[in-house]
Amino acid sequence: MGENCDGEKIRIIIKRRVLKMKIENGKKVTLDFILRDDKGNLLDKTTKGDELNFTYGDEAVVAGLEEALLGRKAGDKFNVKITPNKGYGEYDENLTIEMPIEDFDGMGLYEGLEFEADTDDGVGVFTIKEVISEEDKVIVDGNHPYAGMTLNFQIKVIKVK
């Protein structure tokens, strides 16, 4: 309470404007997303308690999503379509190779199995495309599972700090 010039008691109300942090390099970001392909098929999504947490600018998400997030704030909801060149790249047939089945000694092999292996560029993630037991070989794909796809994200920014 305060007093005006005439000595009357007045109530002073100060409105605080809370500024929401914007997403920029180095900010910790938490978001929910639903990811679909161009046909509307669900590819991935977050669930309650399993939101995506990352530091903006650390290349933890694809370039197109990072660009779409710049300047956004907690509470923002938006959709973004990301082409392969800003997503996981075009599909590269040269990354599909044939390997002898004995290289997978003791592994329970099946189509769709993902595994990590050392490459000239570091550790890579590979997917078994086909197991051809009668020929003792395995077809392995080094492309990201979403390579060549246009990605359709529904995003809700939960937290920025």
C-alpha atoms as a PDB file:
ATOM      1  CA  MET A   1       0.000   0.000   0.000  1.00  0.00           C
ATOM      2  CA  GLY A   2       1.086   3.538  -0.693  1.00  0.00           C
ATOM      3  CA  GLU A   3      -0.394   7.035  -0.404  1.00  0.00           C
ATOM      4  CA  ASN A   4      -1.245   9.519  -3.109  1.00  0.00           C
ATOM      5  CA  CYS A   5      -0.640  13.288  -2.805  1.00  0.00           C
ATOM      6  CA  ASP A   6      -3.867  13.736  -0.833  1.00  0.00           C
ATOM      7  CA  GLY A   7      -2.857  11.102   1.698  1.00  0.00           C
ATOM      8  CA  GLU A   8      -5.315   8.541   0.387  1.00  0.00           C
ATOM      9  CA  LYS A   9      -4.166   5.003   0.606  1.00  0.00           C
ATOM     10  CA  ILE A  10      -3.807   3.366  -2.754  1.00  0.00           C
ATOM     11  CA  ARG A  11      -2.880  -0.116  -3.759  1.00  0.00           C
ATOM     12  CA  ILE A  12       0.041  -0.278  -6.116  1.00  0.00           C
ATOM     13  CA  ILE A  13       0.039  -3.216  -8.435  1.00  0.00           C
ATOM     14  CA  ILE A  14       3.179  -3.917 -10.352  1.00  0.00           C
ATOM     15  CA  LYS A  15       2.774  -6.279 -13.220  1.00  0.00           C
ATOM     16  CA  ARG A  16       5.864  -8.280 -13.877  1.00  0.00           C
ATOM     17  CA  ARG A  17       6.349  -9.291 -17.410  1.00  0.00           C
ATOM     18  CA  VAL A  18       8.003 -12.656 -17.554  1.00  0.00           C
ATOM     19  CA  LEU A  19      10.269 -12.877 -20.537  1.00  0.00           C
ATOM     20  CA  LYS A  20      10.504 -16.331 -21.990  1.00  0.00           C
ATOM     21  CA  MET A  21      13.923 -17.420 -23.140  1.00  0.00           C
ATOM     22  CA  LYS A  22      14.350 -17.915 -26.837  1.00  0.00           C
ATOM     23  CA  ILE A  23      16.125 -20.903 -28.310  1.00  0.00           C
ATOM     24  CA  GLU A  24      19.681 -20.027 -29.330  1.00  0.00           C
ATOM     25  CA  ASN A  25      23.145 -21.585 -29.184  1.00  0.00           C
ATOM     26  CA  GLY A  26      23.968 -23.164 -25.846  1.00  0.00           C
ATOM     27  CA  LYS A  27      20.385 -23.216 -24.511  1.00  0.00           C
ATOM     28  CA  LYS A  28      19.025 -26.439 -23.045  1.00  0.00           C
ATOM     29  CA  VAL A  29      15.858 -27.385 -24.918  1.00  0.00           C
ATOM     30  CA  THR A  30      13.106 -29.847 -23.999  1.00  0.00           C
ATOM     31  CA  LEU A  31      10.459 -30.680 -26.564  1.00  0.00           C
ATOM     32  CA  ASP A  32       7.748 -33.126 -27.522  1.00  0.00           C
ATOM     33  CA  PHE A  33       7.428 -34.253 -31.101  1.00  0.00           C
ATOM     34  CA  ILE A  34       5.525 -36.520 -33.448  1.00  0.00           C
ATOM     35  CA  LEU A  35       7.388 -37.519 -36.613  1.00  0.00           C
ATOM     36  CA  ARG A  36       5.614 -38.790 -39.731  1.00  0.00           C
ATOM     37  CA  ASP A  37       6.672 -39.561 -43.287  1.00  0.00           C
ATOM     38  CA  ASP A  38       4.988 -37.983 -46.327  1.00  0.00           C
ATOM     39  CA  LYS A  39       2.328 -40.712 -46.350  1.00  0.00           C
ATOM     40  CA  GLY A  40       1.377 -39.938 -42.751  1.00  0.00           C
ATOM     41  CA  ASN A  41       2.984 -43.062 -41.291  1.00  0.00           C
ATOM     42  CA  LEU A  42       4.199 -42.611 -37.720  1.00  0.00           C
ATOM     43  CA  LEU A  43       8.000 -42.874 -37.567  1.00  0.00           C
ATOM     44  CA  ASP A  44       8.713 -41.740 -34.017  1.00  0.00           C
ATOM     45  CA  LYS A  45       7.305 -39.713 -31.137  1.00  0.00           C
ATOM     46  CA  THR A  46       8.069 -38.681 -27.608  1.00  0.00           C
ATOM     47  CA  THR A  47       5.997 -39.797 -24.651  1.00  0.00           C
ATOM     48  CA  LYS A  48       5.310 -38.184 -21.284  1.00  0.00           C
ATOM     49  CA  GLY A  49       8.456 -38.398 -19.207  1.00  0.00           C
ATOM     50  CA  ASP A  50      10.547 -39.223 -22.273  1.00  0.00           C
ATOM     51  CA  GLU A  51      10.761 -35.829 -23.959  1.00  0.00           C
ATOM     52  CA  LEU A  52      13.687 -34.929 -26.209  1.00  0.00           C
ATOM     53  CA  ASN A  53      16.354 -32.993 -24.280  1.00  0.00           C
ATOM     54  CA  PHE A  54      19.377 -31.463 -26.005  1.00  0.00           C
ATOM     55  CA  THR A  55      21.662 -28.438 -26.127  1.00  0.00           C
ATOM     56  CA  TYR A  56      20.859 -26.225 -29.091  1.00  0.00           C
ATOM     57  CA  GLY A  57      23.775 -25.847 -31.490  1.00  0.00           C
ATOM     58  CA  ASP A  58      25.427 -29.169 -30.598  1.00  0.00           C
ATOM     59  CA  GLU A  59      24.056 -30.826 -33.774  1.00  0.00           C
ATOM     60  CA  ALA A  60      21.966 -33.215 -31.669  1.00  0.00           C
ATOM     61  CA  VAL A  61      19.019 -32.850 -34.060  1.00  0.00           C
ATOM     62  CA  VAL A  62      18.887 -32.668 -37.866  1.00  0.00           C
ATOM     63  CA  ALA A  63      19.783 -29.316 -39.437  1.00  0.00           C
ATOM     64  CA  GLY A  64      16.254 -28.563 -40.651  1.00  0.00           C
ATOM     65  CA  LEU A  65      14.779 -29.004 -37.184  1.00  0.00           C
ATOM     66  CA  GLU A  66      17.521 -26.921 -35.609  1.00  0.00           C
ATOM     67  CA  GLU A  67      16.794 -24.108 -38.088  1.00  0.00           C
ATOM     68  CA  ALA A  68      13.050 -24.298 -37.362  1.00  0.00           C
ATOM     69  CA  LEU A  69      13.655 -24.107 -33.596  1.00  0.00           C
ATOM     70  CA  LEU A  70      15.845 -20.991 -33.620  1.00  0.00           C
ATOM     71  CA  GLY A  71      14.109 -18.149 -31.768  1.00  0.00           C
ATOM     72  CA  ARG A  72      11.215 -20.293 -30.502  1.00  0.00           C
ATOM     73  CA  LYS A  73      10.082 -20.182 -26.865  1.00  0.00           C
ATOM     74  CA  ALA A  74       8.547 -22.561 -24.328  1.00  0.00           C
ATOM     75  CA  GLY A  75       4.913 -23.142 -25.226  1.00  0.00           C
ATOM     76  CA  ASP A  76       5.421 -22.710 -28.965  1.00  0.00           C
ATOM     77  CA  LYS A  77       3.695 -25.331 -31.104  1.00  0.00           C
ATOM     78  CA  PHE A  78       4.419 -25.686 -34.804  1.00  0.00           C
ATOM     79  CA  ASN A  79       4.740 -28.078 -37.724  1.00  0.00           C
ATOM     80  CA  VAL A  80       7.803 -28.305 -39.946  1.00  0.00           C
ATOM     81  CA  LYS A  81       8.512 -30.297 -43.109  1.00  0.00           C
ATOM     82  CA  ILE A  82      12.169 -31.233 -43.546  1.00  0.00           C
ATOM     83  CA  THR A  83      13.553 -32.439 -46.868  1.00  0.00           C
ATOM     84  CA  PRO A  84      16.322 -35.071 -46.969  1.00  0.00           C
ATOM     85  CA  ASN A  85      19.084 -32.497 -47.555  1.00  0.00           C
ATOM     86  CA  LYS A  86      18.238 -30.902 -44.159  1.00  0.00           C
ATOM     87  CA  GLY A  87      17.339 -34.243 -42.551  1.00  0.00           C
ATOM     88  CA  TYR A  88      19.237 -37.518 -42.792  1.00  0.00           C
ATOM     89  CA  GLY A  89      20.457 -37.032 -46.357  1.00  0.00           C
ATOM     90  CA  GLU A  90      19.605 -38.810 -49.565  1.00  0.00           C
ATOM     91  CA  TYR A  91      19.646 -42.594 -49.639  1.00  0.00           C
ATOM     92  CA  ASP A  92      23.093 -43.784 -50.835  1.00  0.00           C
ATOM     93  CA  GLU A  93      23.182 -47.231 -52.489  1.00  0.00           C
ATOM     94  CA  ASN A  94      26.971 -47.298 -51.923  1.00  0.00           C
ATOM     95  CA  LEU A  95      26.315 -47.662 -48.197  1.00  0.00           C
ATOM     96  CA  THR A  96      24.602 -51.022 -48.756  1.00  0.00           C
ATOM     97  CA  ILE A  97      27.178 -53.803 -48.608  1.00  0.00           C
ATOM     98  CA  GLU A  98      27.333 -57.586 -48.640  1.00  0.00           C
ATOM     99  CA  MET A  99      29.174 -59.234 -45.746  1.00  0.00           C
ATOM    100  CA  PRO A 100      30.002 -62.843 -44.870  1.00  0.00           C
ATOM    101  CA  ILE A 101      27.669 -64.282 -42.241  1.00  0.00           C
ATOM    102  CA  GLU A 102      30.647 -65.441 -40.130  1.00  0.00           C
ATOM    103  CA  ASP A 103      31.431 -61.760 -39.412  1.00  0.00           C
ATOM    104  CA  PHE A 104      28.336 -61.849 -37.192  1.00  0.00           C
ATOM    105  CA  ASP A 105      29.514 -64.791 -35.097  1.00  0.00           C
ATOM    106  CA  GLY A 106      26.829 -65.764 -32.607  1.00  0.00           C
ATOM    107  CA  MET A 107      24.495 -62.832 -33.258  1.00  0.00           C
ATOM    108  CA  GLY A 108      20.827 -63.640 -33.716  1.00  0.00           C
ATOM    109  CA  LEU A 109      20.453 -62.045 -37.147  1.00  0.00           C
ATOM    110  CA  TYR A 110      17.161 -60.793 -38.552  1.00  0.00           C
ATOM    111  CA  GLU A 111      16.021 -58.111 -40.982  1.00  0.00           C
ATOM    112  CA  GLY A 112      15.803 -54.706 -39.311  1.00  0.00           C
ATOM    113  CA  LEU A 113      18.419 -55.478 -36.636  1.00  0.00           C
ATOM    114  CA  GLU A 114      20.488 -52.367 -35.928  1.00  0.00           C
ATOM    115  CA  PHE A 115      24.069 -52.584 -34.701  1.00  0.00           C
ATOM    116  CA  GLU A 116      27.122 -50.375 -34.289  1.00  0.00           C
ATOM    117  CA  ALA A 117      30.456 -51.034 -35.964  1.00  0.00           C
ATOM    118  CA  ASP A 118      33.750 -49.211 -36.394  1.00  0.00           C
ATOM    119  CA  THR A 119      34.244 -47.416 -39.707  1.00  0.00           C
ATOM    120  CA  ASP A 120      36.954 -45.171 -41.155  1.00  0.00           C
ATOM    121  CA  ASP A 121      34.868 -42.209 -39.950  1.00  0.00           C
ATOM    122  CA  GLY A 122      34.295 -43.536 -36.414  1.00  0.00           C
ATOM    123  CA  VAL A 123      31.427 -45.638 -35.118  1.00  0.00           C
ATOM    124  CA  GLY A 124      28.528 -46.102 -37.533  1.00  0.00           C
ATOM    125  CA  VAL A 125      25.026 -47.503 -37.126  1.00  0.00           C
ATOM    126  CA  PHE A 126      24.040 -50.232 -39.578  1.00  0.00           C
ATOM    127  CA  THR A 127      20.831 -52.118 -40.294  1.00  0.00           C
ATOM    128  CA  ILE A 128      20.501 -55.714 -41.507  1.00  0.00           C
ATOM    129  CA  LYS A 129      18.505 -55.516 -44.749  1.00  0.00           C
ATOM    130  CA  GLU A 130      18.586 -59.198 -45.610  1.00  0.00           C
ATOM    131  CA  VAL A 131      20.004 -62.471 -44.283  1.00  0.00           C
ATOM    132  CA  ILE A 132      20.749 -64.977 -47.050  1.00  0.00           C
ATOM    133  CA  SER A 133      21.561 -68.113 -45.051  1.00  0.00           C
ATOM    134  CA  GLU A 134      21.928 -70.455 -48.038  1.00  0.00           C
ATOM    135  CA  GLU A 135      24.673 -68.194 -49.419  1.00  0.00           C
ATOM    136  CA  ASP A 136      26.191 -67.441 -45.988  1.00  0.00           C
ATOM    137  CA  LYS A 137      25.903 -63.700 -46.486  1.00  0.00           C
ATOM    138  CA  VAL A 138      24.201 -60.682 -44.974  1.00  0.00           C
ATOM    139  CA  ILE A 139      23.167 -57.458 -46.720  1.00  0.00           C
ATOM    140  CA  VAL A 140      23.934 -54.500 -44.454  1.00  0.00           C
ATOM    141  CA  ASP A 141      22.754 -50.893 -44.880  1.00  0.00           C
ATOM    142  CA  GLY A 142      24.796 -47.986 -43.511  1.00  0.00           C
ATOM    143  CA  ASN A 143      22.156 -45.366 -44.334  1.00  0.00           C
ATOM    144  CA  HIS A 144      20.111 -43.850 -41.534  1.00  0.00           C
ATOM    145  CA  PRO A 145      16.658 -45.516 -41.520  1.00  0.00           C
ATOM    146  CA  TYR A 146      15.107 -42.133 -42.468  1.00  0.00           C
ATOM    147  CA  ALA A 147      17.617 -41.344 -45.254  1.00  0.00           C
ATOM    148  CA  GLY A 148      15.860 -40.143 -48.395  1.00  0.00           C
ATOM    149  CA  MET A 149      12.645 -39.328 -46.514  1.00  0.00           C
ATOM    150  CA  THR A 150      10.875 -36.011 -46.108  1.00  0.00           C
ATOM    151  CA  LEU A 151      10.238 -35.662 -42.379  1.00  0.00           C
ATOM    152  CA  ASN A 152       7.062 -34.068 -41.020  1.00  0.00           C
ATOM    153  CA  PHE A 153       7.439 -32.943 -37.413  1.00  0.00           C
ATOM    154  CA  GLN A 154       4.746 -31.702 -35.031  1.00  0.00           C
ATOM    155  CA  ILE A 155       6.659 -29.878 -32.306  1.00  0.00           C
ATOM    156  CA  LYS A 156       5.804 -28.484 -28.881  1.00  0.00           C
ATOM    157  CA  VAL A 157       8.603 -26.648 -27.095  1.00  0.00           C
ATOM    158  CA  ILE A 158       8.338 -27.560 -23.404  1.00  0.00           C
ATOM    159  CA  LYS A 159      11.301 -25.790 -21.822  1.00  0.00           C
ATOM    160  CA  VAL A 160      14.194 -23.481 -22.742  1.00  0.00           C
ATOM    161  CA  LYS A 161      16.912 -22.663 -20.210  1.00  0.00           C
END
